[in-house]
Amino acid sequence: FLLEDGIGHVKVSNFERHTAEELRDAIEKLGGRKLDGLILDLRGNPGGVIEAAIKTAAIFLGEKETILWVQARNKPQEELQVPDGNKSYNLLLSVLVDSKTASAAELVAAALQDNDRATLIGQRSYGKGVIQSVFSLSENTALALTTAQYLTPKKKRIQRPIGKCGGFHLAACLDNNG
């Protein structure tokens, strides 16, 4: 909806397969490139499909800007950038976040903040920035193993501290600190 002439407000409740396309449609219905500004409301957004979050961030970023980094153990960091030919909106942007903004939603907020495209307003977000691989086991059980973490474009961790050591690699922390 429009808050006032030229200023739109769009709520993104979660990131599903078509979220980026739906967001672009909503922006166009509000005025598209004629808008002066947009409030992107990610409060209460638990995340979702990472590919949808990446496409959403690209809506507001220029070509070759960094969206995120992936850091896995014993591998070089992998940078994910906005692709060539990207058509982005260059408007004043504010992003609303709260303590329930998590995962893919945090990646979008961080990409926009670190690339100086948006001002974040609200509370500290949840802090979920890890990649987990799920392995099926016997008797309808599974093991979720953290295999990597996401970093912001400025290479800051999104994941909140885990355990008494306050670090991503809890096992390494325990090895080093008993």
C-alpha atoms as a PDB file:
ATOM      1  CA  PHE A   1       0.000   0.000   0.000  1.00  0.00           C
ATOM      2  CA  LEU A   2       0.980   3.666  -0.276  1.00  0.00           C
ATOM      3  CA  LEU A   3       1.782   5.402   3.010  1.00  0.00           C
ATOM      4  CA  GLU A   4       1.573   8.716   1.200  1.00  0.00           C
ATOM      5  CA  ASP A   5       2.137   9.895  -2.348  1.00  0.00           C
ATOM      6  CA  GLY A   6       5.321   8.322  -3.665  1.00  0.00           C
ATOM      7  CA  ILE A   7       6.108   6.229  -0.561  1.00  0.00           C
ATOM      8  CA  GLY A   8       5.178   2.539  -0.704  1.00  0.00           C
ATOM      9  CA  HIS A   9       5.053  -0.148   1.955  1.00  0.00           C
ATOM     10  CA  VAL A  10       5.399  -3.847   1.101  1.00  0.00           C
ATOM     11  CA  LYS A  11       5.304  -6.688   3.638  1.00  0.00           C
ATOM     12  CA  VAL A  12       7.219  -9.869   2.781  1.00  0.00           C
ATOM     13  CA  SER A  13       6.044 -12.599   5.181  1.00  0.00           C
ATOM     14  CA  ASN A  14       8.428 -15.332   3.992  1.00  0.00           C
ATOM     15  CA  PHE A  15      10.576 -16.294   1.034  1.00  0.00           C
ATOM     16  CA  GLU A  16       8.936 -18.760  -1.304  1.00  0.00           C
ATOM     17  CA  ARG A  17       9.792 -19.682  -4.879  1.00  0.00           C
ATOM     18  CA  HIS A  18       8.030 -16.679  -6.484  1.00  0.00           C
ATOM     19  CA  THR A  19       8.555 -14.036  -3.787  1.00  0.00           C
ATOM     20  CA  ALA A  20      10.886 -11.859  -5.876  1.00  0.00           C
ATOM     21  CA  GLU A  21       8.455 -11.770  -8.804  1.00  0.00           C
ATOM     22  CA  GLU A  22       5.543 -11.012  -6.466  1.00  0.00           C
ATOM     23  CA  LEU A  23       7.537  -8.209  -4.833  1.00  0.00           C
ATOM     24  CA  ARG A  24       8.409  -6.692  -8.220  1.00  0.00           C
ATOM     25  CA  ASP A  25       4.685  -6.851  -9.180  1.00  0.00           C
ATOM     26  CA  ALA A  26       3.706  -5.146  -5.906  1.00  0.00           C
ATOM     27  CA  ILE A  27       6.255  -2.372  -6.472  1.00  0.00           C
ATOM     28  CA  GLU A  28       4.941  -1.829  -9.992  1.00  0.00           C
ATOM     29  CA  LYS A  29       1.346  -1.604  -8.724  1.00  0.00           C
ATOM     30  CA  LEU A  30       2.478   1.085  -6.272  1.00  0.00           C
ATOM     31  CA  GLY A  31       4.126   3.138  -9.017  1.00  0.00           C
ATOM     32  CA  GLY A  32       7.360   1.336  -9.883  1.00  0.00           C
ATOM     33  CA  ARG A  33      10.161   3.691 -10.838  1.00  0.00           C
ATOM     34  CA  LYS A  34       7.938   6.694 -10.096  1.00  0.00           C
ATOM     35  CA  LEU A  35       8.089   5.895  -6.370  1.00  0.00           C
ATOM     36  CA  ASP A  36      10.239   8.171  -4.241  1.00  0.00           C
ATOM     37  CA  GLY A  37      10.769   5.533  -1.586  1.00  0.00           C
ATOM     38  CA  LEU A  38       9.798   2.122  -0.309  1.00  0.00           C
ATOM     39  CA  ILE A  39       9.524   0.506   3.098  1.00  0.00           C
ATOM     40  CA  LEU A  40      10.303  -3.200   2.842  1.00  0.00           C
ATOM     41  CA  ASP A  41       8.776  -4.853   5.901  1.00  0.00           C
ATOM     42  CA  LEU A  42      10.583  -8.059   6.901  1.00  0.00           C
ATOM     43  CA  ARG A  43       9.324  -8.143  10.500  1.00  0.00           C
ATOM     44  CA  GLY A  44       8.328 -11.643  11.556  1.00  0.00           C
ATOM     45  CA  ASN A  45       9.774 -13.153   8.364  1.00  0.00           C
ATOM     46  CA  PRO A  46      11.349 -16.530   9.301  1.00  0.00           C
ATOM     47  CA  GLY A  47      13.196 -16.867   5.979  1.00  0.00           C
ATOM     48  CA  GLY A  48      12.575 -19.594   3.461  1.00  0.00           C
ATOM     49  CA  VAL A  49      13.989 -20.372   0.044  1.00  0.00           C
ATOM     50  CA  ILE A  50      17.471 -18.844  -0.243  1.00  0.00           C
ATOM     51  CA  GLU A  51      17.241 -18.481  -4.039  1.00  0.00           C
ATOM     52  CA  ALA A  52      14.135 -16.302  -3.582  1.00  0.00           C
ATOM     53  CA  ALA A  53      15.996 -14.127  -1.079  1.00  0.00           C
ATOM     54  CA  ILE A  54      18.907 -13.714  -3.485  1.00  0.00           C
ATOM     55  CA  LYS A  55      16.553 -12.650  -6.290  1.00  0.00           C
ATOM     56  CA  THR A  56      14.789 -10.274  -3.905  1.00  0.00           C
ATOM     57  CA  ALA A  57      18.019  -8.565  -2.867  1.00  0.00           C
ATOM     58  CA  ALA A  58      18.972  -8.202  -6.542  1.00  0.00           C
ATOM     59  CA  ILE A  59      15.793  -6.172  -7.146  1.00  0.00           C
ATOM     60  CA  PHE A  60      17.494  -3.301  -5.321  1.00  0.00           C
ATOM     61  CA  LEU A  61      21.191  -3.886  -6.116  1.00  0.00           C
ATOM     62  CA  GLY A  62      23.315  -3.046  -9.124  1.00  0.00           C
ATOM     63  CA  GLU A  63      25.244  -5.409 -11.372  1.00  0.00           C
ATOM     64  CA  LYS A  64      28.230  -7.137  -9.753  1.00  0.00           C
ATOM     65  CA  GLU A  65      27.329  -5.974  -6.233  1.00  0.00           C
ATOM     66  CA  THR A  66      27.891  -8.675  -3.628  1.00  0.00           C
ATOM     67  CA  ILE A  67      24.737 -10.264  -2.207  1.00  0.00           C
ATOM     68  CA  LEU A  68      26.432 -12.665   0.208  1.00  0.00           C
ATOM     69  CA  TRP A  69      29.398 -14.894   0.873  1.00  0.00           C
ATOM     70  CA  VAL A  70      29.353 -18.602   1.694  1.00  0.00           C
ATOM     71  CA  GLN A  71      32.010 -19.904   4.070  1.00  0.00           C
ATOM     72  CA  ALA A  72      32.451 -23.658   4.353  1.00  0.00           C
ATOM     73  CA  ARG A  73      35.062 -25.515   6.315  1.00  0.00           C
ATOM     74  CA  ASN A  74      38.306 -26.138   4.405  1.00  0.00           C
ATOM     75  CA  LYS A  75      37.083 -24.342   1.270  1.00  0.00           C
ATOM     76  CA  PRO A  76      37.662 -20.822  -0.040  1.00  0.00           C
ATOM     77  CA  GLN A  77      34.864 -18.352   0.565  1.00  0.00           C
ATOM     78  CA  GLU A  78      32.393 -18.149  -2.314  1.00  0.00           C
ATOM     79  CA  GLU A  79      31.028 -14.754  -3.359  1.00  0.00           C
ATOM     80  CA  LEU A  80      27.558 -14.441  -4.824  1.00  0.00           C
ATOM     81  CA  GLN A  81      27.030 -11.282  -6.914  1.00  0.00           C
ATOM     82  CA  VAL A  82      24.140  -9.676  -8.744  1.00  0.00           C
ATOM     83  CA  PRO A  83      24.225 -10.966 -12.338  1.00  0.00           C
ATOM     84  CA  ASP A  84      24.900  -8.847 -15.417  1.00  0.00           C
ATOM     85  CA  GLY A  85      21.813  -7.333 -17.008  1.00  0.00           C
ATOM     86  CA  ASN A  86      19.993  -6.997 -13.694  1.00  0.00           C
ATOM     87  CA  LYS A  87      17.236  -4.354 -13.715  1.00  0.00           C
ATOM     88  CA  SER A  88      17.089  -2.848 -10.241  1.00  0.00           C
ATOM     89  CA  TYR A  89      15.054  -0.137  -8.566  1.00  0.00           C
ATOM     90  CA  ASN A  90      17.133   2.786  -7.381  1.00  0.00           C
ATOM     91  CA  LEU A  91      14.847   4.393  -4.836  1.00  0.00           C
ATOM     92  CA  LEU A  92      15.094   5.427  -1.211  1.00  0.00           C
ATOM     93  CA  LEU A  93      14.712   2.209   0.757  1.00  0.00           C
ATOM     94  CA  SER A  94      14.098   1.391   4.419  1.00  0.00           C
ATOM     95  CA  VAL A  95      13.899  -2.166   5.748  1.00  0.00           C
ATOM     96  CA  LEU A  96      11.942  -3.025   8.898  1.00  0.00           C
ATOM     97  CA  VAL A  97      13.331  -5.930  10.972  1.00  0.00           C
ATOM     98  CA  ASP A  98      12.619  -7.422  14.377  1.00  0.00           C
ATOM     99  CA  SER A  99      13.735 -10.298  16.590  1.00  0.00           C
ATOM    100  CA  LYS A 100      11.714 -12.734  14.446  1.00  0.00           C
ATOM    101  CA  THR A 101      13.373 -11.679  11.177  1.00  0.00           C
ATOM    102  CA  ALA A 102      15.566 -14.691  10.412  1.00  0.00           C
ATOM    103  CA  SER A 103      17.616 -16.628   7.907  1.00  0.00           C
ATOM    104  CA  ALA A 104      16.915 -15.638   4.276  1.00  0.00           C
ATOM    105  CA  ALA A 105      15.222 -12.416   5.451  1.00  0.00           C
ATOM    106  CA  GLU A 106      18.378 -11.470   7.342  1.00  0.00           C
ATOM    107  CA  LEU A 107      20.442 -12.106   4.214  1.00  0.00           C
ATOM    108  CA  VAL A 108      18.277  -9.688   2.226  1.00  0.00           C
ATOM    109  CA  ALA A 109      18.461  -7.027   4.937  1.00  0.00           C
ATOM    110  CA  ALA A 110      22.235  -7.421   5.274  1.00  0.00           C
ATOM    111  CA  ALA A 111      22.832  -7.272   1.512  1.00  0.00           C
ATOM    112  CA  LEU A 112      20.871  -4.032   1.249  1.00  0.00           C
ATOM    113  CA  GLN A 113      22.528  -2.507   4.313  1.00  0.00           C
ATOM    114  CA  ASP A 114      26.115  -3.504   3.436  1.00  0.00           C
ATOM    115  CA  ASN A 115      25.745  -2.169  -0.113  1.00  0.00           C
ATOM    116  CA  ASP A 116      24.463   1.172   1.246  1.00  0.00           C
ATOM    117  CA  ARG A 117      21.087   0.644  -0.415  1.00  0.00           C
ATOM    118  CA  ALA A 118      18.861   0.670   2.658  1.00  0.00           C
ATOM    119  CA  THR A 119      18.548   1.812   6.215  1.00  0.00           C
ATOM    120  CA  LEU A 120      17.559  -0.941   8.643  1.00  0.00           C
ATOM    121  CA  ILE A 121      14.997   0.057  11.262  1.00  0.00           C
ATOM    122  CA  GLY A 122      13.797  -1.964  14.233  1.00  0.00           C
ATOM    123  CA  GLN A 123      15.300  -4.570  16.523  1.00  0.00           C
ATOM    124  CA  ARG A 124      18.248  -6.939  16.320  1.00  0.00           C
ATOM    125  CA  SER A 125      17.261  -9.815  14.053  1.00  0.00           C
ATOM    126  CA  TYR A 126      17.173 -13.478  15.075  1.00  0.00           C
ATOM    127  CA  GLY A 127      20.667 -14.472  13.918  1.00  0.00           C
ATOM    128  CA  LYS A 128      20.318 -17.581  11.753  1.00  0.00           C
ATOM    129  CA  GLY A 129      22.949 -17.696   9.056  1.00  0.00           C
ATOM    130  CA  VAL A 130      24.020 -21.301   8.690  1.00  0.00           C
ATOM    131  CA  ILE A 131      23.645 -23.852   5.931  1.00  0.00           C
ATOM    132  CA  GLN A 132      22.580 -27.292   7.041  1.00  0.00           C
ATOM    133  CA  SER A 133      22.699 -30.569   5.147  1.00  0.00           C
ATOM    134  CA  VAL A 134      20.113 -33.146   6.180  1.00  0.00           C
ATOM    135  CA  PHE A 135      21.072 -36.822   6.106  1.00  0.00           C
ATOM    136  CA  SER A 136      18.388 -39.509   6.372  1.00  0.00           C
ATOM    137  CA  LEU A 137      18.962 -42.163   9.002  1.00  0.00           C
ATOM    138  CA  SER A 138      17.054 -45.279   9.946  1.00  0.00           C
ATOM    139  CA  GLU A 139      13.619 -45.404  11.606  1.00  0.00           C
ATOM    140  CA  ASN A 140      12.342 -42.102  10.119  1.00  0.00           C
ATOM    141  CA  THR A 141      15.125 -40.054  11.674  1.00  0.00           C
ATOM    142  CA  ALA A 142      17.568 -37.610  10.187  1.00  0.00           C
ATOM    143  CA  LEU A 143      20.696 -35.710  11.085  1.00  0.00           C
ATOM    144  CA  ALA A 144      20.967 -32.001  10.305  1.00  0.00           C
ATOM    145  CA  LEU A 145      24.632 -31.096  10.049  1.00  0.00           C
ATOM    146  CA  THR A 146      25.841 -27.523   9.776  1.00  0.00           C
ATOM    147  CA  THR A 147      28.146 -27.487   6.753  1.00  0.00           C
ATOM    148  CA  ALA A 148      28.678 -23.780   6.030  1.00  0.00           C
ATOM    149  CA  GLN A 149      27.605 -20.297   7.014  1.00  0.00           C
ATOM    150  CA  TYR A 150      26.450 -17.198   5.214  1.00  0.00           C
ATOM    151  CA  LEU A 151      28.334 -13.940   5.556  1.00  0.00           C
ATOM    152  CA  THR A 152      27.139 -10.456   4.646  1.00  0.00           C
ATOM    153  CA  PRO A 153      28.717  -8.586   1.717  1.00  0.00           C
ATOM    154  CA  LYS A 154      31.130  -7.046   4.250  1.00  0.00           C
ATOM    155  CA  LYS A 155      31.890 -10.586   5.497  1.00  0.00           C
ATOM    156  CA  LYS A 156      30.115 -10.240   8.852  1.00  0.00           C
ATOM    157  CA  ARG A 157      28.549 -13.324  10.402  1.00  0.00           C
ATOM    158  CA  ILE A 158      24.784 -13.439  10.632  1.00  0.00           C
ATOM    159  CA  GLN A 159      24.694 -16.481  12.923  1.00  0.00           C
ATOM    160  CA  ARG A 160      24.247 -15.588  16.573  1.00  0.00           C
ATOM    161  CA  PRO A 161      26.786 -17.060  18.996  1.00  0.00           C
ATOM    162  CA  ILE A 162      26.276 -20.724  19.797  1.00  0.00           C
ATOM    163  CA  GLY A 163      27.061 -22.223  23.183  1.00  0.00           C
ATOM    164  CA  LYS A 164      29.282 -20.844  25.911  1.00  0.00           C
ATOM    165  CA  CYS A 165      32.148 -20.203  23.474  1.00  0.00           C
ATOM    166  CA  GLY A 166      30.104 -17.822  21.344  1.00  0.00           C
ATOM    167  CA  GLY A 167      31.420 -19.044  18.017  1.00  0.00           C
ATOM    168  CA  PHE A 168      30.411 -20.761  14.802  1.00  0.00           C
ATOM    169  CA  HIS A 169      32.787 -23.698  15.193  1.00  0.00           C
ATOM    170  CA  LEU A 170      31.701 -24.952  18.608  1.00  0.00           C
ATOM    171  CA  ALA A 171      33.791 -28.113  18.296  1.00  0.00           C
ATOM    172  CA  ALA A 172      36.910 -26.074  17.502  1.00  0.00           C
ATOM    173  CA  CYS A 173      36.134 -23.830  20.451  1.00  0.00           C
ATOM    174  CA  LEU A 174      35.852 -26.818  22.757  1.00  0.00           C
ATOM    175  CA  ASP A 175      39.092 -28.284  21.370  1.00  0.00           C
ATOM    176  CA  ASN A 176      40.936 -25.045  22.053  1.00  0.00           C
ATOM    177  CA  ASN A 177      39.371 -24.242  25.403  1.00  0.00           C
ATOM    178  CA  GLY A 178      38.808 -27.665  26.946  1.00  0.00           C
END
